[in-house]
Amino acid sequence: MSYLLPGTITNALGVSSATLHFTGTNLFILNDHIGDWGYDPEMSNIRAYPLMRTFAVGVDVALRRRVQ
């Protein structure tokens, strides 16, 4: 998911443009029993590590170029 900051904010920051990014995997699980038992159903071993959630956030900024 990304969000392009409006021009009023980027002008106040002194940049040409700015975009905020968010990415996540395994944010929610659709099966109730997995949350109760806490194991990965794709693993053959019930003692396997639980499903891990990952999050990533970022900012993409384009600076202004001054021409003299």
N, C-alpha and C. Protein backbone atom coordinates (compact mmCIF):
# COMPACT_ATOMS: atom_id res chain seq x y z
N MET A 1 0.85 -1.13 0.00
CA MET A 1 0.00 0.00 0.00
C MET A 1 0.92 1.22 0.00
N SER A 2 0.55 2.26 -0.74
CA SER A 2 1.36 3.47 -0.74
C SER A 2 0.45 4.70 -0.76
N TYR A 3 1.02 5.80 -0.30
CA TYR A 3 0.27 7.04 -0.23
C TYR A 3 1.17 8.17 -0.70
N LEU A 4 0.74 8.89 -1.73
CA LEU A 4 1.47 10.03 -2.26
C LEU A 4 1.06 11.27 -1.47
N LEU A 5 2.03 11.90 -0.82
CA LEU A 5 1.71 13.09 -0.03
C LEU A 5 1.27 14.23 -0.93
N PRO A 6 0.28 15.02 -0.51
CA PRO A 6 -0.19 16.13 -1.33
C PRO A 6 0.87 17.23 -1.46
N GLY A 7 0.71 18.07 -2.48
CA GLY A 7 1.66 19.13 -2.78
C GLY A 7 1.84 20.13 -1.66
N THR A 8 0.79 20.40 -0.89
CA THR A 8 0.92 21.36 0.20
C THR A 8 1.91 20.87 1.25
N ILE A 9 1.91 19.59 1.52
CA ILE A 9 2.84 19.03 2.51
C ILE A 9 4.26 18.96 1.95
N THR A 10 4.39 18.51 0.69
CA THR A 10 5.73 18.40 0.11
C THR A 10 6.36 19.78 -0.07
N ASN A 11 5.56 20.79 -0.41
CA ASN A 11 6.10 22.15 -0.52
C ASN A 11 6.57 22.65 0.84
N ALA A 12 5.83 22.35 1.89
CA ALA A 12 6.23 22.76 3.24
C ALA A 12 7.52 22.06 3.67
N LEU A 13 7.72 20.82 3.21
CA LEU A 13 8.93 20.08 3.55
C LEU A 13 10.11 20.46 2.65
N GLY A 14 9.83 21.14 1.56
CA GLY A 14 10.89 21.55 0.64
C GLY A 14 11.37 20.44 -0.28
N VAL A 15 10.48 19.52 -0.62
CA VAL A 15 10.83 18.43 -1.53
C VAL A 15 9.87 18.44 -2.71
N SER A 16 10.28 17.79 -3.79
CA SER A 16 9.47 17.75 -5.00
C SER A 16 8.26 16.84 -4.84
N SER A 17 8.48 15.62 -4.30
CA SER A 17 7.39 14.68 -4.04
C SER A 17 7.83 13.71 -2.95
N ALA A 18 6.85 13.09 -2.32
CA ALA A 18 7.13 12.10 -1.27
C ALA A 18 6.02 11.07 -1.25
N THR A 19 6.41 9.81 -1.11
CA THR A 19 5.46 8.70 -1.05
C THR A 19 5.78 7.85 0.17
N LEU A 20 4.75 7.47 0.91
CA LEU A 20 4.90 6.57 2.05
C LEU A 20 4.47 5.18 1.60
N HIS A 21 5.24 4.14 1.99
CA HIS A 21 4.95 2.76 1.59
C HIS A 21 4.75 1.90 2.83
N PHE A 22 3.85 0.92 2.71
CA PHE A 22 3.66 -0.10 3.75
C PHE A 22 3.43 -1.44 3.07
N THR A 23 4.13 -2.46 3.54
CA THR A 23 3.97 -3.82 3.04
C THR A 23 3.93 -4.77 4.22
N GLY A 24 3.09 -5.78 4.15
CA GLY A 24 3.03 -6.78 5.21
C GLY A 24 2.66 -8.14 4.66
N THR A 25 3.15 -9.19 5.31
CA THR A 25 2.79 -10.55 4.96
C THR A 25 2.26 -11.25 6.20
N ASN A 26 1.33 -12.15 5.98
CA ASN A 26 0.67 -12.90 7.07
C ASN A 26 0.06 -11.95 8.10
N LEU A 27 -0.64 -10.93 7.63
CA LEU A 27 -1.23 -9.95 8.53
C LEU A 27 -2.40 -10.53 9.31
N PHE A 28 -3.11 -11.47 8.72
CA PHE A 28 -4.19 -12.13 9.44
C PHE A 28 -4.32 -13.55 8.91
N ILE A 29 -4.90 -14.41 9.73
CA ILE A 29 -5.08 -15.82 9.36
C ILE A 29 -6.57 -16.10 9.25
N LEU A 30 -6.97 -16.80 8.21
CA LEU A 30 -8.39 -17.04 7.96
C LEU A 30 -8.96 -18.23 8.72
N ASN A 31 -8.13 -19.12 9.23
CA ASN A 31 -8.61 -20.30 9.96
C ASN A 31 -8.51 -20.07 11.45
N ASP A 32 -9.60 -20.30 12.18
CA ASP A 32 -9.62 -20.10 13.63
C ASP A 32 -8.65 -21.01 14.38
N HIS A 33 -8.57 -22.28 14.01
CA HIS A 33 -7.79 -23.24 14.78
C HIS A 33 -6.29 -22.95 14.74
N ILE A 34 -5.80 -22.28 13.71
CA ILE A 34 -4.37 -21.99 13.63
C ILE A 34 -3.97 -21.02 14.74
N GLY A 35 -4.80 -20.02 15.00
CA GLY A 35 -4.51 -19.07 16.06
C GLY A 35 -4.49 -19.73 17.43
N ASP A 36 -5.36 -20.71 17.65
CA ASP A 36 -5.40 -21.41 18.93
C ASP A 36 -4.20 -22.34 19.12
N TRP A 37 -3.85 -23.07 18.06
CA TRP A 37 -2.77 -24.06 18.19
C TRP A 37 -1.42 -23.43 17.95
N GLY A 38 -1.34 -22.40 17.12
CA GLY A 38 -0.10 -21.69 16.89
C GLY A 38 0.93 -22.40 16.04
N TYR A 39 0.51 -23.25 15.11
CA TYR A 39 1.49 -23.90 14.24
C TYR A 39 1.12 -23.68 12.78
N ASP A 40 2.09 -23.91 11.92
CA ASP A 40 1.92 -23.72 10.48
C ASP A 40 1.33 -24.99 9.87
N PRO A 41 0.13 -24.93 9.29
CA PRO A 41 -0.51 -26.14 8.74
C PRO A 41 0.22 -26.68 7.50
N GLU A 42 1.09 -25.89 6.88
CA GLU A 42 1.82 -26.36 5.72
C GLU A 42 3.03 -27.22 6.11
N MET A 43 3.37 -27.25 7.37
CA MET A 43 4.49 -28.05 7.86
C MET A 43 3.95 -29.42 8.30
N SER A 44 4.73 -30.47 8.07
CA SER A 44 4.29 -31.80 8.47
C SER A 44 4.50 -32.04 9.96
N ASN A 45 5.35 -31.23 10.59
CA ASN A 45 5.65 -31.39 12.02
C ASN A 45 4.81 -30.38 12.81
N ILE A 46 4.06 -30.84 13.78
CA ILE A 46 3.21 -29.94 14.58
C ILE A 46 4.05 -29.02 15.46
N ARG A 47 5.31 -29.37 15.70
CA ARG A 47 6.18 -28.55 16.53
C ARG A 47 6.91 -27.47 15.73
N ALA A 48 6.51 -27.25 14.50
CA ALA A 48 7.13 -26.23 13.64
C ALA A 48 6.84 -24.84 14.20
N TYR A 49 7.66 -23.88 13.83
CA TYR A 49 7.47 -22.50 14.27
C TYR A 49 6.14 -21.97 13.76
N PRO A 50 5.50 -21.08 14.52
CA PRO A 50 4.23 -20.49 14.05
C PRO A 50 4.46 -19.57 12.86
N LEU A 51 3.38 -19.26 12.18
CA LEU A 51 3.46 -18.34 11.06
C LEU A 51 3.97 -16.98 11.54
N MET A 52 4.90 -16.40 10.81
CA MET A 52 5.49 -15.12 11.22
C MET A 52 4.85 -13.98 10.44
N ARG A 53 4.64 -12.89 11.12
CA ARG A 53 4.17 -11.67 10.47
C ARG A 53 5.37 -10.78 10.20
N THR A 54 5.36 -10.15 9.03
CA THR A 54 6.42 -9.20 8.71
C THR A 54 5.79 -7.90 8.25
N PHE A 55 6.42 -6.81 8.63
CA PHE A 55 5.98 -5.48 8.25
C PHE A 55 7.17 -4.72 7.67
N ALA A 56 6.92 -3.91 6.68
CA ALA A 56 7.97 -3.06 6.11
C ALA A 56 7.34 -1.70 5.80
N VAL A 57 8.01 -0.65 6.20
CA VAL A 57 7.55 0.70 5.90
C VAL A 57 8.70 1.44 5.23
N GLY A 58 8.36 2.40 4.39
CA GLY A 58 9.40 3.15 3.70
C GLY A 58 8.89 4.50 3.22
N VAL A 59 9.84 5.33 2.86
CA VAL A 59 9.54 6.66 2.34
C VAL A 59 10.37 6.86 1.09
N ASP A 60 9.75 7.33 0.03
CA ASP A 60 10.43 7.66 -1.22
C ASP A 60 10.32 9.17 -1.39
N VAL A 61 11.47 9.86 -1.39
CA VAL A 61 11.48 11.32 -1.46
C VAL A 61 12.26 11.77 -2.69
N ALA A 62 11.68 12.68 -3.47
CA ALA A 62 12.37 13.29 -4.60
C ALA A 62 12.72 14.73 -4.22
N LEU A 63 14.00 15.03 -4.25
CA LEU A 63 14.46 16.37 -3.88
C LEU A 63 14.33 17.34 -5.04
N ARG A 64 14.22 18.60 -4.71
CA ARG A 64 14.14 19.64 -5.73
C ARG A 64 15.54 19.97 -6.21
N ARG A 65 15.64 20.32 -7.46
CA ARG A 65 16.90 20.72 -8.05
C ARG A 65 16.85 22.23 -8.29
N ARG A 66 17.82 22.92 -7.74
CA ARG A 66 17.89 24.38 -7.96
C ARG A 66 18.70 24.68 -9.21
N VAL A 67 18.10 25.43 -10.09
CA VAL A 67 18.79 25.82 -11.33
C VAL A 67 19.14 27.30 -11.23
N GLN A 68 20.41 27.60 -11.47
CA GLN A 68 20.84 29.00 -11.38
C GLN A 68 21.20 29.55 -12.75
